[in-house]
N, C-alpha and C. Protein backbone atom coordinates (compact mmCIF):
# COMPACT_ATOMS: atom_id res chain seq x y z
N MET A 1 108.87 76.82 83.00
CA MET A 1 107.66 77.05 83.78
C MET A 1 107.78 78.35 84.59
N THR A 2 109.00 78.66 85.08
CA THR A 2 109.19 79.87 85.86
C THR A 2 108.94 81.11 85.01
N ALA A 3 109.39 81.08 83.77
CA ALA A 3 109.18 82.23 82.88
C ALA A 3 107.70 82.44 82.61
N ILE A 4 106.96 81.36 82.44
CA ILE A 4 105.52 81.48 82.20
C ILE A 4 104.82 82.09 83.42
N LEU A 5 105.18 81.60 84.62
CA LEU A 5 104.59 82.16 85.84
C LEU A 5 104.97 83.63 86.02
N PHE A 6 106.21 83.96 85.67
CA PHE A 6 106.64 85.36 85.75
C PHE A 6 105.76 86.25 84.89
N TYR A 7 105.54 85.84 83.65
CA TYR A 7 104.72 86.66 82.75
C TYR A 7 103.26 86.69 83.17
N VAL A 8 102.76 85.61 83.75
CA VAL A 8 101.38 85.60 84.24
C VAL A 8 101.22 86.59 85.39
N PHE A 9 102.16 86.55 86.35
CA PHE A 9 102.08 87.48 87.47
C PHE A 9 102.35 88.92 87.04
N ALA A 10 103.23 89.10 86.04
CA ALA A 10 103.48 90.45 85.53
C ALA A 10 102.22 91.00 84.86
N ALA A 11 101.53 90.19 84.09
CA ALA A 11 100.29 90.63 83.45
C ALA A 11 99.22 90.93 84.49
N LEU A 12 99.16 90.10 85.53
CA LEU A 12 98.22 90.34 86.61
C LEU A 12 98.53 91.65 87.33
N ALA A 13 99.81 91.93 87.56
CA ALA A 13 100.21 93.17 88.22
C ALA A 13 99.86 94.38 87.37
N VAL A 14 100.12 94.32 86.08
CA VAL A 14 99.79 95.44 85.20
C VAL A 14 98.28 95.62 85.09
N GLY A 15 97.55 94.52 84.95
CA GLY A 15 96.09 94.61 84.86
C GLY A 15 95.46 95.18 86.11
N SER A 16 95.91 94.72 87.28
CA SER A 16 95.33 95.24 88.52
C SER A 16 95.79 96.68 88.78
N ALA A 17 96.98 97.06 88.30
CA ALA A 17 97.40 98.46 88.41
C ALA A 17 96.52 99.36 87.55
N LEU A 18 96.10 98.86 86.39
CA LEU A 18 95.16 99.62 85.57
C LEU A 18 93.80 99.75 86.26
N VAL A 19 93.40 98.72 87.00
CA VAL A 19 92.16 98.80 87.77
C VAL A 19 92.28 99.87 88.85
N VAL A 20 93.48 99.97 89.46
CA VAL A 20 93.69 100.97 90.52
C VAL A 20 93.44 102.38 90.00
N VAL A 21 93.98 102.69 88.84
CA VAL A 21 93.83 104.06 88.32
C VAL A 21 92.53 104.25 87.54
N GLY A 22 91.88 103.16 87.13
CA GLY A 22 90.68 103.28 86.32
C GLY A 22 89.38 103.23 87.10
N GLN A 23 89.41 102.83 88.34
CA GLN A 23 88.18 102.72 89.14
C GLN A 23 87.75 104.07 89.67
N ARG A 24 86.47 104.27 89.74
CA ARG A 24 85.93 105.49 90.33
C ARG A 24 85.62 105.30 91.82
N ASN A 25 85.49 104.06 92.24
CA ASN A 25 85.24 103.77 93.65
C ASN A 25 86.58 103.52 94.35
N PRO A 26 86.93 104.32 95.37
CA PRO A 26 88.24 104.17 96.01
C PRO A 26 88.42 102.83 96.73
N ILE A 27 87.35 102.21 97.20
CA ILE A 27 87.47 100.92 97.86
C ILE A 27 87.91 99.86 96.85
N TYR A 28 87.29 99.84 95.68
CA TYR A 28 87.69 98.89 94.64
C TYR A 28 89.12 99.17 94.17
N SER A 29 89.48 100.44 94.12
CA SER A 29 90.82 100.81 93.74
C SER A 29 91.84 100.30 94.76
N ALA A 30 91.51 100.38 96.03
CA ALA A 30 92.41 99.87 97.07
C ALA A 30 92.53 98.36 96.98
N PHE A 31 91.43 97.67 96.69
CA PHE A 31 91.51 96.22 96.52
C PHE A 31 92.35 95.85 95.30
N GLY A 32 92.26 96.65 94.24
CA GLY A 32 93.11 96.43 93.08
C GLY A 32 94.58 96.61 93.42
N LEU A 33 94.88 97.57 94.30
CA LEU A 33 96.26 97.78 94.74
C LEU A 33 96.76 96.60 95.57
N ILE A 34 95.89 96.00 96.34
CA ILE A 34 96.28 94.80 97.10
C ILE A 34 96.65 93.67 96.15
N VAL A 35 95.85 93.49 95.09
CA VAL A 35 96.17 92.45 94.10
C VAL A 35 97.50 92.75 93.41
N THR A 36 97.74 94.02 93.10
CA THR A 36 99.01 94.41 92.48
C THR A 36 100.18 94.09 93.39
N LEU A 37 100.06 94.42 94.66
CA LEU A 37 101.14 94.16 95.61
C LEU A 37 101.38 92.67 95.79
N CYS A 38 100.32 91.87 95.80
CA CYS A 38 100.49 90.42 95.93
C CYS A 38 101.12 89.82 94.67
N ALA A 39 100.77 90.33 93.50
CA ALA A 39 101.40 89.86 92.26
C ALA A 39 102.88 90.22 92.24
N LEU A 40 103.22 91.41 92.72
CA LEU A 40 104.63 91.79 92.81
C LEU A 40 105.37 90.90 93.80
N SER A 41 104.70 90.52 94.87
CA SER A 41 105.31 89.60 95.82
C SER A 41 105.61 88.25 95.17
N ALA A 42 104.70 87.76 94.37
CA ALA A 42 104.94 86.50 93.66
C ALA A 42 106.11 86.64 92.69
N ILE A 43 106.24 87.79 92.05
CA ILE A 43 107.37 88.02 91.14
C ILE A 43 108.68 88.02 91.92
N PHE A 44 108.69 88.67 93.08
CA PHE A 44 109.90 88.65 93.90
C PHE A 44 110.26 87.22 94.31
N GLY A 45 109.24 86.44 94.65
CA GLY A 45 109.50 85.04 95.01
C GLY A 45 110.07 84.25 93.85
N LEU A 46 109.55 84.48 92.66
CA LEU A 46 110.07 83.79 91.47
C LEU A 46 111.50 84.21 91.14
N LEU A 47 111.85 85.44 91.48
CA LEU A 47 113.20 85.93 91.20
C LEU A 47 114.22 85.51 92.26
N GLY A 48 113.80 84.70 93.20
CA GLY A 48 114.73 84.17 94.19
C GLY A 48 114.95 85.06 95.39
N SER A 49 113.97 85.83 95.74
CA SER A 49 114.08 86.71 96.90
C SER A 49 112.87 86.50 97.81
N PRO A 50 112.85 85.38 98.53
CA PRO A 50 111.66 85.09 99.35
C PRO A 50 111.45 86.06 100.50
N PHE A 51 112.52 86.60 101.05
CA PHE A 51 112.36 87.54 102.15
C PHE A 51 111.64 88.81 101.71
N ILE A 52 112.05 89.36 100.57
CA ILE A 52 111.40 90.57 100.06
C ILE A 52 109.96 90.26 99.65
N ALA A 53 109.71 89.05 99.16
CA ALA A 53 108.35 88.65 98.80
C ALA A 53 107.45 88.65 100.03
N VAL A 54 107.95 88.09 101.12
CA VAL A 54 107.15 88.06 102.35
C VAL A 54 106.97 89.47 102.91
N LEU A 55 108.04 90.28 102.86
CA LEU A 55 107.91 91.67 103.32
C LEU A 55 106.86 92.42 102.52
N GLN A 56 106.82 92.17 101.22
CA GLN A 56 105.85 92.84 100.35
C GLN A 56 104.42 92.54 100.80
N VAL A 57 104.16 91.30 101.13
CA VAL A 57 102.81 90.91 101.55
C VAL A 57 102.51 91.42 102.95
N VAL A 58 103.43 91.21 103.88
CA VAL A 58 103.16 91.56 105.28
C VAL A 58 103.09 93.08 105.47
N VAL A 59 104.08 93.79 104.93
CA VAL A 59 104.13 95.23 105.18
C VAL A 59 103.17 95.99 104.29
N TYR A 60 103.27 95.80 102.99
CA TYR A 60 102.47 96.63 102.09
C TYR A 60 101.04 96.12 101.95
N ALA A 61 100.87 94.88 101.51
CA ALA A 61 99.52 94.37 101.30
C ALA A 61 98.81 94.17 102.63
N GLY A 62 99.55 93.88 103.67
CA GLY A 62 98.94 93.67 104.97
C GLY A 62 98.71 94.97 105.72
N ALA A 63 99.77 95.56 106.21
CA ALA A 63 99.64 96.70 107.12
C ALA A 63 99.21 97.99 106.42
N ILE A 64 99.91 98.38 105.38
CA ILE A 64 99.64 99.67 104.75
C ILE A 64 98.26 99.68 104.09
N MET A 65 97.92 98.62 103.38
CA MET A 65 96.63 98.61 102.69
C MET A 65 95.47 98.47 103.66
N VAL A 66 95.68 97.78 104.77
CA VAL A 66 94.63 97.74 105.79
C VAL A 66 94.42 99.14 106.36
N LEU A 67 95.51 99.88 106.54
CA LEU A 67 95.40 101.26 107.01
C LEU A 67 94.64 102.11 105.99
N PHE A 68 94.98 101.97 104.70
CA PHE A 68 94.27 102.72 103.67
C PHE A 68 92.78 102.38 103.67
N LEU A 69 92.45 101.10 103.71
CA LEU A 69 91.05 100.70 103.70
C LEU A 69 90.33 101.19 104.95
N PHE A 70 91.01 101.15 106.09
CA PHE A 70 90.43 101.66 107.32
C PHE A 70 90.08 103.14 107.18
N VAL A 71 90.99 103.93 106.63
CA VAL A 71 90.75 105.36 106.45
C VAL A 71 89.62 105.59 105.45
N LEU A 72 89.63 104.86 104.33
CA LEU A 72 88.58 105.04 103.33
C LEU A 72 87.20 104.71 103.89
N MET A 73 87.12 103.63 104.62
CA MET A 73 85.82 103.24 105.18
C MET A 73 85.42 104.14 106.33
N LEU A 74 86.40 104.63 107.09
CA LEU A 74 86.10 105.53 108.20
C LEU A 74 85.57 106.87 107.69
N LEU A 75 86.15 107.34 106.59
CA LEU A 75 85.70 108.61 106.03
C LEU A 75 84.42 108.47 105.22
N GLY A 76 84.08 107.24 104.83
CA GLY A 76 82.86 107.02 104.06
C GLY A 76 82.96 107.61 102.66
N VAL A 77 84.10 107.47 102.03
CA VAL A 77 84.32 108.03 100.70
C VAL A 77 83.52 107.22 99.69
N GLY A 78 82.74 107.91 98.88
CA GLY A 78 81.93 107.24 97.87
C GLY A 78 82.61 107.27 96.52
N ALA A 79 81.88 106.82 95.54
CA ALA A 79 82.41 106.80 94.17
C ALA A 79 82.55 108.23 93.65
N GLU A 80 83.53 108.41 92.81
CA GLU A 80 83.80 109.72 92.23
C GLU A 80 82.71 110.08 91.23
N ASP A 81 82.31 111.34 91.24
CA ASP A 81 81.32 111.80 90.27
C ASP A 81 81.93 111.89 88.88
N ARG A 82 81.15 111.53 87.89
CA ARG A 82 81.62 111.64 86.51
C ARG A 82 81.45 113.08 86.05
N LYS A 83 82.55 113.63 85.61
CA LYS A 83 82.52 114.97 85.04
C LYS A 83 83.18 114.90 83.68
N SER A 84 82.62 115.60 82.75
CA SER A 84 83.20 115.57 81.41
C SER A 84 84.26 116.66 81.32
N GLY A 85 85.48 116.30 81.66
CA GLY A 85 86.58 117.24 81.59
C GLY A 85 87.40 116.98 80.33
N ARG A 86 87.21 117.81 79.34
CA ARG A 86 87.92 117.62 78.08
C ARG A 86 89.42 117.80 78.29
N THR A 87 89.81 118.73 79.14
CA THR A 87 91.22 118.98 79.38
C THR A 87 91.88 117.76 80.03
N LEU A 88 91.22 117.18 81.01
CA LEU A 88 91.79 116.00 81.68
C LEU A 88 91.90 114.82 80.73
N LYS A 89 90.92 114.65 79.86
CA LYS A 89 90.98 113.55 78.89
C LYS A 89 92.12 113.76 77.90
N THR A 90 92.35 115.00 77.51
CA THR A 90 93.44 115.30 76.59
C THR A 90 94.80 115.04 77.25
N VAL A 91 94.94 115.49 78.49
CA VAL A 91 96.19 115.26 79.22
C VAL A 91 96.41 113.76 79.42
N ALA A 92 95.35 113.03 79.75
CA ALA A 92 95.47 111.57 79.93
C ALA A 92 95.88 110.89 78.64
N ALA A 93 95.33 111.32 77.51
CA ALA A 93 95.69 110.72 76.22
C ALA A 93 97.14 111.00 75.87
N VAL A 94 97.60 112.22 76.13
CA VAL A 94 99.00 112.57 75.84
C VAL A 94 99.94 111.76 76.74
N LEU A 95 99.61 111.64 78.01
CA LEU A 95 100.45 110.86 78.92
C LEU A 95 100.44 109.37 78.57
N ALA A 96 99.31 108.85 78.13
CA ALA A 96 99.24 107.44 77.72
C ALA A 96 100.09 107.21 76.47
N ALA A 97 100.06 108.15 75.54
CA ALA A 97 100.90 108.03 74.34
C ALA A 97 102.38 108.11 74.70
N ALA A 98 102.74 108.99 75.63
CA ALA A 98 104.14 109.09 76.06
C ALA A 98 104.58 107.80 76.75
N LEU A 99 103.71 107.22 77.56
CA LEU A 99 104.03 105.95 78.21
C LEU A 99 104.21 104.84 77.19
N ALA A 100 103.34 104.80 76.18
CA ALA A 100 103.46 103.77 75.15
C ALA A 100 104.76 103.92 74.37
N LEU A 101 105.14 105.15 74.05
CA LEU A 101 106.40 105.40 73.35
C LEU A 101 107.60 104.99 74.22
N GLU A 102 107.53 105.31 75.48
CA GLU A 102 108.61 104.95 76.39
C GLU A 102 108.74 103.43 76.54
N MET A 103 107.61 102.75 76.67
CA MET A 103 107.65 101.29 76.77
C MET A 103 108.17 100.67 75.49
N GLY A 104 107.78 101.22 74.34
CA GLY A 104 108.29 100.72 73.07
C GLY A 104 109.79 100.91 72.95
N ALA A 105 110.29 102.06 73.39
CA ALA A 105 111.73 102.31 73.34
C ALA A 105 112.50 101.36 74.24
N VAL A 106 111.93 101.06 75.39
CA VAL A 106 112.59 100.13 76.31
C VAL A 106 112.58 98.72 75.74
N LEU A 107 111.44 98.31 75.17
CA LEU A 107 111.37 96.95 74.63
C LEU A 107 112.24 96.77 73.40
N VAL A 108 112.38 97.79 72.58
CA VAL A 108 113.23 97.69 71.39
C VAL A 108 114.70 97.63 71.79
N GLY A 109 115.08 98.43 72.76
CA GLY A 109 116.48 98.48 73.17
C GLY A 109 116.84 97.50 74.26
N ALA A 110 115.91 96.65 74.66
CA ALA A 110 116.18 95.72 75.75
C ALA A 110 117.07 94.59 75.27
N ALA A 111 118.19 94.46 75.93
CA ALA A 111 119.11 93.36 75.64
C ALA A 111 119.48 92.73 76.97
N PRO A 112 119.56 91.42 77.01
CA PRO A 112 119.91 90.80 78.29
C PRO A 112 121.31 91.20 78.72
N ALA A 113 121.41 91.79 79.87
CA ALA A 113 122.69 92.22 80.41
C ALA A 113 123.09 91.28 81.54
N PRO A 114 124.36 91.14 81.77
CA PRO A 114 124.78 90.28 82.88
C PRO A 114 124.28 90.86 84.20
N VAL A 115 123.77 90.00 85.03
CA VAL A 115 123.19 90.42 86.30
C VAL A 115 124.22 90.21 87.40
N ALA A 116 124.46 91.27 88.15
CA ALA A 116 125.37 91.15 89.29
C ALA A 116 124.68 90.39 90.40
N SER A 117 125.46 89.71 91.22
CA SER A 117 124.85 88.94 92.30
C SER A 117 124.27 89.89 93.34
N PHE A 118 123.15 89.50 93.88
CA PHE A 118 122.44 90.33 94.84
C PHE A 118 122.05 89.46 96.02
N ASP A 119 122.41 89.88 97.20
CA ASP A 119 122.10 89.12 98.40
C ASP A 119 120.84 89.71 99.03
N ALA A 120 119.73 88.97 98.94
CA ALA A 120 118.46 89.45 99.48
C ALA A 120 118.09 88.66 100.73
N SER A 121 119.09 88.23 101.47
CA SER A 121 118.81 87.49 102.69
C SER A 121 118.32 88.45 103.78
N THR A 122 117.79 87.90 104.84
CA THR A 122 117.28 88.71 105.94
C THR A 122 118.39 89.54 106.56
N ARG A 123 119.54 88.95 106.75
CA ARG A 123 120.67 89.65 107.36
C ARG A 123 121.12 90.83 106.49
N ALA A 124 121.21 90.63 105.18
CA ALA A 124 121.67 91.70 104.28
C ALA A 124 120.67 92.86 104.22
N VAL A 125 119.40 92.52 104.14
CA VAL A 125 118.38 93.58 104.08
C VAL A 125 118.34 94.35 105.40
N ALA A 126 118.42 93.65 106.52
CA ALA A 126 118.42 94.33 107.82
C ALA A 126 119.65 95.21 107.98
N HIS A 127 120.79 94.75 107.50
CA HIS A 127 122.01 95.56 107.60
C HIS A 127 121.87 96.84 106.79
N VAL A 128 121.30 96.74 105.60
CA VAL A 128 121.13 97.94 104.77
C VAL A 128 120.09 98.88 105.38
N LEU A 129 118.97 98.33 105.85
CA LEU A 129 117.90 99.17 106.41
C LEU A 129 118.32 99.90 107.67
N PHE A 130 119.07 99.23 108.52
CA PHE A 130 119.39 99.82 109.82
C PHE A 130 120.81 100.37 109.88
N SER A 131 121.43 100.61 108.74
CA SER A 131 122.73 101.26 108.74
C SER A 131 122.52 102.77 108.58
N ALA A 132 123.61 103.52 108.63
CA ALA A 132 123.55 104.98 108.74
C ALA A 132 122.70 105.68 107.69
N PRO A 133 122.85 105.46 106.39
CA PRO A 133 122.08 106.32 105.48
C PRO A 133 120.58 106.05 105.48
N TYR A 134 120.16 104.83 105.77
CA TYR A 134 118.74 104.50 105.66
C TYR A 134 118.01 104.45 106.99
N LEU A 135 118.72 104.48 108.08
CA LEU A 135 118.07 104.39 109.38
C LEU A 135 117.14 105.57 109.62
N TYR A 136 117.59 106.77 109.28
CA TYR A 136 116.78 107.96 109.52
C TYR A 136 115.56 107.99 108.60
N VAL A 137 115.72 107.54 107.38
CA VAL A 137 114.60 107.48 106.45
C VAL A 137 113.57 106.46 106.94
N PHE A 138 114.05 105.33 107.46
CA PHE A 138 113.17 104.30 108.00
C PHE A 138 112.37 104.85 109.18
N GLU A 139 113.00 105.57 110.06
CA GLU A 139 112.30 106.15 111.21
C GLU A 139 111.37 107.28 110.78
N ALA A 140 111.78 108.07 109.81
CA ALA A 140 110.91 109.16 109.33
C ALA A 140 109.65 108.60 108.67
N THR A 141 109.78 107.47 108.01
CA THR A 141 108.61 106.83 107.40
C THR A 141 107.61 106.40 108.46
N SER A 142 108.10 105.86 109.57
CA SER A 142 107.18 105.45 110.63
C SER A 142 106.47 106.65 111.24
N ILE A 143 107.16 107.77 111.37
CA ILE A 143 106.52 108.98 111.89
C ILE A 143 105.49 109.51 110.89
N LEU A 144 105.81 109.43 109.61
CA LEU A 144 104.87 109.87 108.57
C LEU A 144 103.59 109.04 108.58
N ILE A 145 103.73 107.72 108.75
CA ILE A 145 102.55 106.85 108.80
C ILE A 145 101.72 107.16 110.05
N LEU A 146 102.38 107.42 111.16
CA LEU A 146 101.66 107.78 112.38
C LEU A 146 100.92 109.10 112.20
N ALA A 147 101.55 110.08 111.55
CA ALA A 147 100.89 111.36 111.29
C ALA A 147 99.69 111.19 110.37
N ALA A 148 99.81 110.30 109.37
CA ALA A 148 98.68 110.04 108.47
C ALA A 148 97.52 109.41 109.23
N LEU A 149 97.82 108.52 110.15
CA LEU A 149 96.77 107.88 110.94
C LEU A 149 96.06 108.91 111.82
N VAL A 150 96.82 109.76 112.49
CA VAL A 150 96.22 110.79 113.35
C VAL A 150 95.40 111.77 112.49
N GLY A 151 95.92 112.15 111.33
CA GLY A 151 95.18 113.04 110.44
C GLY A 151 93.88 112.44 109.96
N SER A 152 93.88 111.15 109.66
CA SER A 152 92.64 110.51 109.22
C SER A 152 91.60 110.45 110.33
N ILE A 153 92.06 110.25 111.55
CA ILE A 153 91.11 110.23 112.67
C ILE A 153 90.53 111.62 112.90
N VAL A 154 91.36 112.65 112.76
CA VAL A 154 90.88 114.02 112.93
C VAL A 154 89.87 114.37 111.84
N LEU A 155 90.16 113.96 110.59
CA LEU A 155 89.23 114.23 109.49
C LEU A 155 87.92 113.46 109.66
N ALA A 156 87.99 112.26 110.20
CA ALA A 156 86.80 111.43 110.31
C ALA A 156 85.90 111.85 111.48
N ARG A 157 86.47 112.56 112.44
CA ARG A 157 85.67 112.97 113.60
C ARG A 157 84.65 114.00 113.18
N ARG A 158 83.44 113.73 113.43
CA ARG A 158 82.35 114.61 113.02
C ARG A 158 81.75 115.27 114.28
N ASP A 159 81.89 116.57 114.36
CA ASP A 159 81.31 117.30 115.48
C ASP A 159 79.88 117.69 115.12
N PRO A 160 78.95 117.52 116.06
CA PRO A 160 77.56 117.89 115.77
C PRO A 160 77.35 119.39 115.73
């Protein structure tokens, strides 16, 4: 039953990720990203990592996506105009073919390998996040998010 749920959530994640890149309306695209993040959270839960699953929902689907939606709605971004760009369609087709070839190579060469034990407990994740190499990256990310918020407010301010 776990394998079936895994494949259902994996298909949901891939399908909603395709919605993210295929939508012309950025609000619908953001909602598709929320579905993708929630499906990934379910996959983490099925893989025996409940802490990372909850972090995925609370941090990414909760905080970050609410921030994205807030900025999109504050700026009043509408649907993208349709333009017939032959060059972009050609590049997209080439990249899609490369992705299909890459996925085929991975699936053909995929063999079950022994999995090393991984501790995804709260204590282990906190120790890794707040230790020397990742502490500065963690703090820099918070500053980057704050700068994005201030930038969105500046862009949204309309002077008469």
